[in-house]
Amino acid sequence: MNEDFTTETFTNGQDALQRLSEITPHLIILDLNLPGVQGNEILSHIRSDARLKKVTVILATADHRQADSLQDQADFILLKPVSPIQLKQIASRVK
């Protein structure tokens, strides 16, 4: 099965927050260690925004303790390293 996804990538947390004010994505893959605004702050913003509250969020992090502390807010947690194949498989499941 070939799944096609439209994606947007942001390497800065502030840019990601700005874009989230403009769109309502189906799925967010969120790195917890972003410059500008940390991923945990972005996750908190997503979960407190009525428009974004139901968006599926997959956390990607190398810090299992940080992931554990946020597991009640995330839909899935992936511990790095994460392969593109893993991301595609999970995205296909939540589609």
C-alpha atoms as a PDB file:
ATOM      1  CA  MET A   1       0.000   0.000   0.000  1.00  0.00           C
ATOM      2  CA  ASN A   2       1.429   3.370  -1.002  1.00  0.00           C
ATOM      3  CA  GLU A   3       0.453   6.218   1.294  1.00  0.00           C
ATOM      4  CA  ASP A   4       1.021   9.816   0.264  1.00  0.00           C
ATOM      5  CA  PHE A   5       1.204  12.526   2.862  1.00  0.00           C
ATOM      6  CA  THR A   6       1.427  16.271   2.560  1.00  0.00           C
ATOM      7  CA  THR A   7       4.011  17.386   5.081  1.00  0.00           C
ATOM      8  CA  GLU A   8       5.437  20.572   6.483  1.00  0.00           C
ATOM      9  CA  THR A   9       8.665  20.703   8.459  1.00  0.00           C
ATOM     10  CA  PHE A  10       9.741  23.285  10.990  1.00  0.00           C
ATOM     11  CA  THR A  11      13.132  23.343  12.689  1.00  0.00           C
ATOM     12  CA  ASN A  12      12.196  26.105  15.107  1.00  0.00           C
ATOM     13  CA  GLY A  13       9.460  25.887  17.727  1.00  0.00           C
ATOM     14  CA  GLN A  14       8.340  29.483  17.225  1.00  0.00           C
ATOM     15  CA  ASP A  15       7.801  28.872  13.505  1.00  0.00           C
ATOM     16  CA  ALA A  16       5.819  25.723  14.307  1.00  0.00           C
ATOM     17  CA  LEU A  17       3.567  27.613  16.738  1.00  0.00           C
ATOM     18  CA  GLN A  18       2.995  30.340  14.166  1.00  0.00           C
ATOM     19  CA  ARG A  19       1.944  27.793  11.548  1.00  0.00           C
ATOM     20  CA  LEU A  20      -0.316  26.003  14.036  1.00  0.00           C
ATOM     21  CA  SER A  21      -2.193  29.281  14.473  1.00  0.00           C
ATOM     22  CA  GLU A  22      -3.037  29.098  10.746  1.00  0.00           C
ATOM     23  CA  ILE A  23      -3.845  25.416  10.153  1.00  0.00           C
ATOM     24  CA  THR A  24      -5.424  22.404  11.807  1.00  0.00           C
ATOM     25  CA  PRO A  25      -3.306  19.406  10.862  1.00  0.00           C
ATOM     26  CA  HIS A  26      -4.476  15.801  11.005  1.00  0.00           C
ATOM     27  CA  LEU A  27      -1.239  14.595  12.595  1.00  0.00           C
ATOM     28  CA  ILE A  28       1.741  16.245  14.278  1.00  0.00           C
ATOM     29  CA  ILE A  29       5.101  14.585  14.759  1.00  0.00           C
ATOM     30  CA  LEU A  30       6.737  16.675  17.439  1.00  0.00           C
ATOM     31  CA  ASP A  31      10.383  16.649  18.431  1.00  0.00           C
ATOM     32  CA  LEU A  32      10.707  17.676  22.069  1.00  0.00           C
ATOM     33  CA  ASN A  33      14.062  19.409  21.606  1.00  0.00           C
ATOM     34  CA  LEU A  34      13.381  22.313  19.281  1.00  0.00           C
ATOM     35  CA  PRO A  35      15.132  25.674  19.403  1.00  0.00           C
ATOM     36  CA  GLY A  36      13.018  28.738  20.132  1.00  0.00           C
ATOM     37  CA  VAL A  37      10.106  27.015  21.849  1.00  0.00           C
ATOM     38  CA  GLN A  38      10.575  23.557  23.349  1.00  0.00           C
ATOM     39  CA  GLY A  39       8.372  20.703  22.189  1.00  0.00           C
ATOM     40  CA  ASN A  40       6.761  20.228  25.610  1.00  0.00           C
ATOM     41  CA  GLU A  41       5.538  23.835  25.454  1.00  0.00           C
ATOM     42  CA  ILE A  42       4.168  23.268  21.959  1.00  0.00           C
ATOM     43  CA  LEU A  43       2.418  20.106  23.146  1.00  0.00           C
ATOM     44  CA  SER A  44       0.873  22.007  26.043  1.00  0.00           C
ATOM     45  CA  HIS A  45      -0.321  24.679  23.586  1.00  0.00           C
ATOM     46  CA  ILE A  46      -1.821  22.032  21.282  1.00  0.00           C
ATOM     47  CA  ARG A  47      -3.711  20.337  24.113  1.00  0.00           C
ATOM     48  CA  SER A  48      -5.037  23.633  25.500  1.00  0.00           C
ATOM     49  CA  ASP A  49      -6.259  24.971  22.134  1.00  0.00           C
ATOM     50  CA  ALA A  50      -9.837  23.839  21.453  1.00  0.00           C
ATOM     51  CA  ARG A  51      -9.161  23.812  17.698  1.00  0.00           C
ATOM     52  CA  LEU A  52      -6.078  21.572  18.023  1.00  0.00           C
ATOM     53  CA  LYS A  53      -7.023  19.525  21.074  1.00  0.00           C
ATOM     54  CA  LYS A  54      -8.083  16.437  19.068  1.00  0.00           C
ATOM     55  CA  VAL A  55      -5.107  16.433  16.677  1.00  0.00           C
ATOM     56  CA  THR A  56      -3.053  13.228  16.887  1.00  0.00           C
ATOM     57  CA  VAL A  57       0.389  14.000  18.313  1.00  0.00           C
ATOM     58  CA  ILE A  58       3.373  11.685  18.038  1.00  0.00           C
ATOM     59  CA  LEU A  59       6.324  12.697  20.196  1.00  0.00           C
ATOM     60  CA  ALA A  60       9.837  11.934  19.006  1.00  0.00           C
ATOM     61  CA  THR A  61      12.580  12.116  21.601  1.00  0.00           C
ATOM     62  CA  ALA A  62      15.768  10.441  22.759  1.00  0.00           C
ATOM     63  CA  ASP A  63      14.948  11.230  26.402  1.00  0.00           C
ATOM     64  CA  HIS A  64      12.778   8.424  27.756  1.00  0.00           C
ATOM     65  CA  ARG A  65      12.213  10.239  31.089  1.00  0.00           C
ATOM     66  CA  GLN A  66      10.864  13.292  29.317  1.00  0.00           C
ATOM     67  CA  ALA A  67       8.697  11.043  27.156  1.00  0.00           C
ATOM     68  CA  ASP A  68       7.347   9.273  30.243  1.00  0.00           C
ATOM     69  CA  SER A  69       6.404  12.584  31.846  1.00  0.00           C
ATOM     70  CA  LEU A  70       4.378  13.575  28.758  1.00  0.00           C
ATOM     71  CA  GLN A  71       2.791  10.230  27.877  1.00  0.00           C
ATOM     72  CA  ASP A  72      -0.656  11.305  29.118  1.00  0.00           C
ATOM     73  CA  GLN A  73      -0.651  14.227  26.642  1.00  0.00           C
ATOM     74  CA  ALA A  74       0.712  12.397  23.576  1.00  0.00           C
ATOM     75  CA  ASP A  75      -1.043   9.837  21.423  1.00  0.00           C
ATOM     76  CA  PHE A  76       2.188   7.985  20.614  1.00  0.00           C
ATOM     77  CA  ILE A  77       5.803   8.271  21.701  1.00  0.00           C
ATOM     78  CA  LEU A  78       8.730   7.252  19.522  1.00  0.00           C
ATOM     79  CA  LEU A  79      12.191   6.977  21.024  1.00  0.00           C
ATOM     80  CA  LYS A  80      14.954   8.139  18.691  1.00  0.00           C
ATOM     81  CA  PRO A  81      16.441   7.096  16.426  1.00  0.00           C
ATOM     82  CA  VAL A  82      13.280   6.891  14.341  1.00  0.00           C
ATOM     83  CA  SER A  83      13.392   5.738  10.743  1.00  0.00           C
ATOM     84  CA  PRO A  84      11.262   7.210   7.959  1.00  0.00           C
ATOM     85  CA  ILE A  85       9.678   3.770   7.553  1.00  0.00           C
ATOM     86  CA  GLN A  86       8.570   3.782  11.211  1.00  0.00           C
ATOM     87  CA  LEU A  87       7.037   7.237  10.803  1.00  0.00           C
ATOM     88  CA  LYS A  88       5.194   6.225   7.663  1.00  0.00           C
ATOM     89  CA  GLN A  89       3.835   3.063   9.301  1.00  0.00           C
ATOM     90  CA  ILE A  90       2.499   4.929  12.328  1.00  0.00           C
ATOM     91  CA  ALA A  91       1.079   7.759  10.227  1.00  0.00           C
ATOM     92  CA  SER A  92      -0.709   5.195   8.069  1.00  0.00           C
ATOM     93  CA  ARG A  93      -2.324   3.662  11.158  1.00  0.00           C
ATOM     94  CA  VAL A  94      -3.723   6.944  12.467  1.00  0.00           C
ATOM     95  CA  LYS A  95      -4.906   8.215   9.099  1.00  0.00           C
END
